[in-house]
N, C-alpha and C. Protein backbone atom coordinates (compact mmCIF):
# COMPACT_ATOMS: atom_id res chain seq x y z
N MET A 1 97.95 148.83 -56.05
CA MET A 1 97.41 149.30 -54.80
C MET A 1 96.45 150.44 -55.08
N ALA A 2 95.46 150.54 -54.27
CA ALA A 2 94.49 151.62 -54.42
C ALA A 2 95.16 152.96 -54.13
N PHE A 3 94.48 154.01 -54.47
CA PHE A 3 94.96 155.35 -54.16
C PHE A 3 94.13 155.92 -53.03
N LEU A 4 94.63 156.95 -52.40
CA LEU A 4 93.90 157.67 -51.37
C LEU A 4 94.09 159.16 -51.61
N ILE A 5 93.26 159.94 -50.99
CA ILE A 5 93.35 161.39 -51.10
C ILE A 5 93.82 161.92 -49.76
N THR A 6 94.93 162.63 -49.78
CA THR A 6 95.54 163.14 -48.55
C THR A 6 94.83 164.40 -48.05
N SER A 7 95.25 164.86 -46.91
CA SER A 7 94.68 166.08 -46.32
C SER A 7 95.05 167.33 -47.12
N ASP A 8 95.91 167.20 -48.12
CA ASP A 8 96.24 168.33 -48.99
C ASP A 8 95.10 168.67 -49.95
N CYS A 9 94.08 167.82 -50.02
CA CYS A 9 92.95 168.02 -50.94
C CYS A 9 92.31 169.39 -50.73
N ILE A 10 92.05 170.07 -51.84
CA ILE A 10 91.40 171.38 -51.78
C ILE A 10 89.92 171.29 -52.19
N ALA A 11 89.41 170.07 -52.35
CA ALA A 11 88.01 169.79 -52.67
C ALA A 11 87.55 170.45 -53.97
N CYS A 12 88.42 170.40 -54.98
CA CYS A 12 88.07 171.00 -56.27
C CYS A 12 87.16 170.10 -57.10
N GLY A 13 87.18 168.78 -56.85
CA GLY A 13 86.32 167.86 -57.56
C GLY A 13 86.87 167.32 -58.87
N ALA A 14 88.05 167.74 -59.27
CA ALA A 14 88.62 167.29 -60.55
C ALA A 14 88.80 165.78 -60.56
N CYS A 15 89.22 165.21 -59.46
CA CYS A 15 89.46 163.77 -59.39
C CYS A 15 88.17 162.97 -59.54
N LYS A 16 87.10 163.44 -58.95
CA LYS A 16 85.82 162.72 -59.00
C LYS A 16 85.35 162.56 -60.43
N ASP A 17 85.44 163.60 -61.20
CA ASP A 17 85.00 163.55 -62.59
C ASP A 17 85.93 162.71 -63.46
N ALA A 18 87.20 162.57 -63.06
CA ALA A 18 88.18 161.84 -63.86
C ALA A 18 88.16 160.34 -63.59
N CYS A 19 87.59 159.89 -62.50
CA CYS A 19 87.66 158.48 -62.10
C CYS A 19 86.73 157.61 -62.97
N PRO A 20 87.29 156.62 -63.67
CA PRO A 20 86.47 155.79 -64.54
C PRO A 20 85.60 154.78 -63.80
N THR A 21 85.87 154.52 -62.53
CA THR A 21 85.09 153.54 -61.78
C THR A 21 84.20 154.16 -60.71
N GLN A 22 84.09 155.46 -60.71
CA GLN A 22 83.30 156.20 -59.71
C GLN A 22 83.68 155.80 -58.29
N ALA A 23 85.00 155.64 -58.05
CA ALA A 23 85.49 155.27 -56.73
C ALA A 23 85.64 156.47 -55.81
N ILE A 24 85.47 157.67 -56.34
CA ILE A 24 85.71 158.89 -55.56
C ILE A 24 84.38 159.56 -55.21
N SER A 25 84.25 159.91 -53.95
CA SER A 25 83.03 160.59 -53.50
C SER A 25 83.41 161.82 -52.69
N GLU A 26 82.45 162.69 -52.55
CA GLU A 26 82.68 163.92 -51.79
C GLU A 26 82.61 163.62 -50.31
N GLY A 27 83.67 163.99 -49.61
CA GLY A 27 83.70 163.85 -48.16
C GLY A 27 83.65 165.22 -47.52
N ASP A 28 83.92 165.26 -46.25
CA ASP A 28 83.91 166.53 -45.55
C ASP A 28 85.17 166.63 -44.71
N PRO A 29 86.11 167.42 -45.05
CA PRO A 29 86.12 168.46 -46.06
C PRO A 29 86.73 168.02 -47.40
N ALA A 30 87.35 166.86 -47.46
CA ALA A 30 88.06 166.44 -48.67
C ALA A 30 87.33 165.28 -49.34
N TYR A 31 87.73 164.99 -50.57
CA TYR A 31 87.17 163.86 -51.29
C TYR A 31 87.78 162.56 -50.77
N LEU A 32 87.09 161.44 -51.01
CA LEU A 32 87.50 160.13 -50.52
C LEU A 32 87.53 159.13 -51.67
N ILE A 33 88.45 158.17 -51.61
CA ILE A 33 88.51 157.10 -52.60
C ILE A 33 88.12 155.80 -51.92
N ASP A 34 87.16 155.09 -52.49
CA ASP A 34 86.76 153.78 -51.99
C ASP A 34 87.78 152.77 -52.49
N PRO A 35 88.61 152.20 -51.60
CA PRO A 35 89.66 151.29 -52.04
C PRO A 35 89.13 150.02 -52.70
N ASP A 36 87.88 149.66 -52.43
CA ASP A 36 87.29 148.48 -53.05
C ASP A 36 86.89 148.73 -54.50
N LYS A 37 86.72 149.99 -54.87
CA LYS A 37 86.36 150.34 -56.25
C LYS A 37 87.56 150.82 -57.07
N CYS A 38 88.60 151.27 -56.40
CA CYS A 38 89.77 151.82 -57.09
C CYS A 38 90.57 150.69 -57.75
N VAL A 39 90.78 150.81 -59.04
CA VAL A 39 91.57 149.82 -59.80
C VAL A 39 92.83 150.46 -60.37
N GLU A 40 93.20 151.63 -59.86
CA GLU A 40 94.37 152.37 -60.34
C GLU A 40 94.28 152.69 -61.83
N CYS A 41 93.08 152.71 -62.35
CA CYS A 41 92.79 152.98 -63.76
C CYS A 41 93.31 151.89 -64.69
N VAL A 42 93.73 150.74 -64.12
CA VAL A 42 94.19 149.62 -64.94
C VAL A 42 93.02 149.15 -65.81
N GLY A 43 93.29 149.02 -67.09
CA GLY A 43 92.25 148.64 -68.03
C GLY A 43 91.50 149.82 -68.62
N TYR A 44 91.76 151.01 -68.09
CA TYR A 44 91.12 152.23 -68.57
C TYR A 44 92.15 153.21 -69.14
N TYR A 45 93.21 153.47 -68.37
CA TYR A 45 94.23 154.46 -68.74
C TYR A 45 95.61 153.94 -68.37
N ASP A 46 96.63 154.56 -68.92
CA ASP A 46 98.01 154.19 -68.62
C ASP A 46 98.51 154.79 -67.31
N GLU A 47 97.81 155.79 -66.79
CA GLU A 47 98.18 156.39 -65.52
C GLU A 47 96.93 156.69 -64.72
N GLN A 48 97.09 156.83 -63.42
CA GLN A 48 95.96 157.10 -62.54
C GLN A 48 95.43 158.50 -62.82
N GLN A 49 94.19 158.57 -63.22
CA GLN A 49 93.59 159.83 -63.62
C GLN A 49 93.42 160.80 -62.46
N CYS A 50 93.11 160.29 -61.27
CA CYS A 50 92.95 161.19 -60.13
C CYS A 50 94.26 161.94 -59.86
N ALA A 51 95.35 161.21 -59.89
CA ALA A 51 96.66 161.83 -59.66
C ALA A 51 97.04 162.77 -60.80
N ALA A 52 96.68 162.40 -62.02
CA ALA A 52 97.04 163.21 -63.18
C ALA A 52 96.33 164.57 -63.18
N VAL A 53 95.11 164.62 -62.68
CA VAL A 53 94.35 165.88 -62.73
C VAL A 53 94.40 166.69 -61.44
N CYS A 54 94.90 166.10 -60.37
CA CYS A 54 94.91 166.80 -59.07
C CYS A 54 95.91 167.96 -59.09
N PRO A 55 95.44 169.19 -58.83
CA PRO A 55 96.33 170.34 -58.88
C PRO A 55 97.29 170.45 -57.69
N VAL A 56 97.05 169.67 -56.63
CA VAL A 56 97.90 169.77 -55.44
C VAL A 56 98.55 168.44 -55.06
N ASP A 57 98.53 167.48 -55.95
CA ASP A 57 99.14 166.16 -55.72
C ASP A 57 98.62 165.48 -54.46
N ALA A 58 97.32 165.58 -54.22
CA ALA A 58 96.72 164.97 -53.04
C ALA A 58 96.38 163.49 -53.25
N CYS A 59 96.39 163.01 -54.47
CA CYS A 59 96.08 161.60 -54.75
C CYS A 59 97.37 160.80 -54.76
N GLN A 60 97.48 159.89 -53.81
CA GLN A 60 98.71 159.14 -53.61
C GLN A 60 98.40 157.64 -53.46
N PRO A 61 99.39 156.77 -53.76
CA PRO A 61 99.18 155.34 -53.55
C PRO A 61 98.90 155.05 -52.07
N ASP A 62 98.01 154.09 -51.84
CA ASP A 62 97.61 153.72 -50.48
C ASP A 62 98.19 152.34 -50.17
N SER A 63 99.31 152.29 -49.48
CA SER A 63 99.98 151.02 -49.20
C SER A 63 99.15 150.09 -48.31
N ALA A 64 98.16 150.62 -47.64
CA ALA A 64 97.29 149.80 -46.81
C ALA A 64 96.29 148.98 -47.63
N HIS A 65 96.18 149.30 -48.92
CA HIS A 65 95.22 148.62 -49.79
C HIS A 65 95.89 148.17 -51.10
N PRO A 66 96.70 147.10 -51.04
CA PRO A 66 97.35 146.61 -52.26
C PRO A 66 96.31 146.06 -53.23
N ARG A 67 96.64 146.14 -54.51
CA ARG A 67 95.72 145.63 -55.53
C ARG A 67 95.61 144.13 -55.40
N LYS A 68 94.41 143.62 -55.60
CA LYS A 68 94.16 142.17 -55.45
C LYS A 68 94.46 141.43 -56.71
């Protein structure tokens, strides 16, 4: 399933730089993950990089967008 960024986001940008598929963009006020581009880092890393680098645990699985 894709990930999403919750309202806990502090807009630090760490997740955007860590995403291997450029699925993360700057929103207002928080960052956003494009569920069509998010592959949960499968094929790139063993864990989701956005969640691994987020200092406030704002990157969470998005049950509304299961992986295809």
